[in-house]
Amino acid sequence: MKRLHIHMSVDSIEESIGFYSTQFGAEPTKVKKDYAQWLIDDLSLNFAISTRGEEKGINHLGVQYESDEALDLAQTAFENKGIKGKEDKGAVCCYKESNKYWVEDPTGMVWENYHSMGDVEVYGVDAEDTEDGCCVPTFAKFSETPSCIPTKDGSSCC
């Protein structure tokens, strides 16, 4: 078995363990005073790249769920832990129609939790979309209203 490895530097081990234990639905397999690790066997990989977005590098991370019911359970788990997110039902983005629940980890990394209903023929909201037609929300710490990373033309999709 091969396993994708992602290592992120964080501000707080304790806060991040709480967030990621909720994100992955599992406690860490290893915890040290400055380190935690999760070995998640039931999480297969959906890796995507695009030429969209202003910044190069990691755009966002995410967990794709097999059903809306599983996504709803994840959203409830986040909300029960006091982690507020942005619900995005029927989003058309990345050539898919999906229901999404965006959250931010304690360090500010945006995570997309989603269930895709089907393929669409456009990247974003309409067929005229030649720039970024969808965006990743940004969250102001402790804010109840997420904002969006603007598209190249300065507009925003959220």
Foldseek 3Di string as FASTA:
>chain_A
DDDDDDDDQADAPVQQQVVVCLQLVHGFPDDDRRDTHHDRPPADDDDDDDPADDDDDDQAAEGEDADVVVLVVSQVSCVVVVFAWDWDAQFQAQQFGWTWTWTAGPRFGIYIYIYTDDGHDDHGDDPVDPHHRAFGWGQDVPDNDTHTDAIPVRHHND
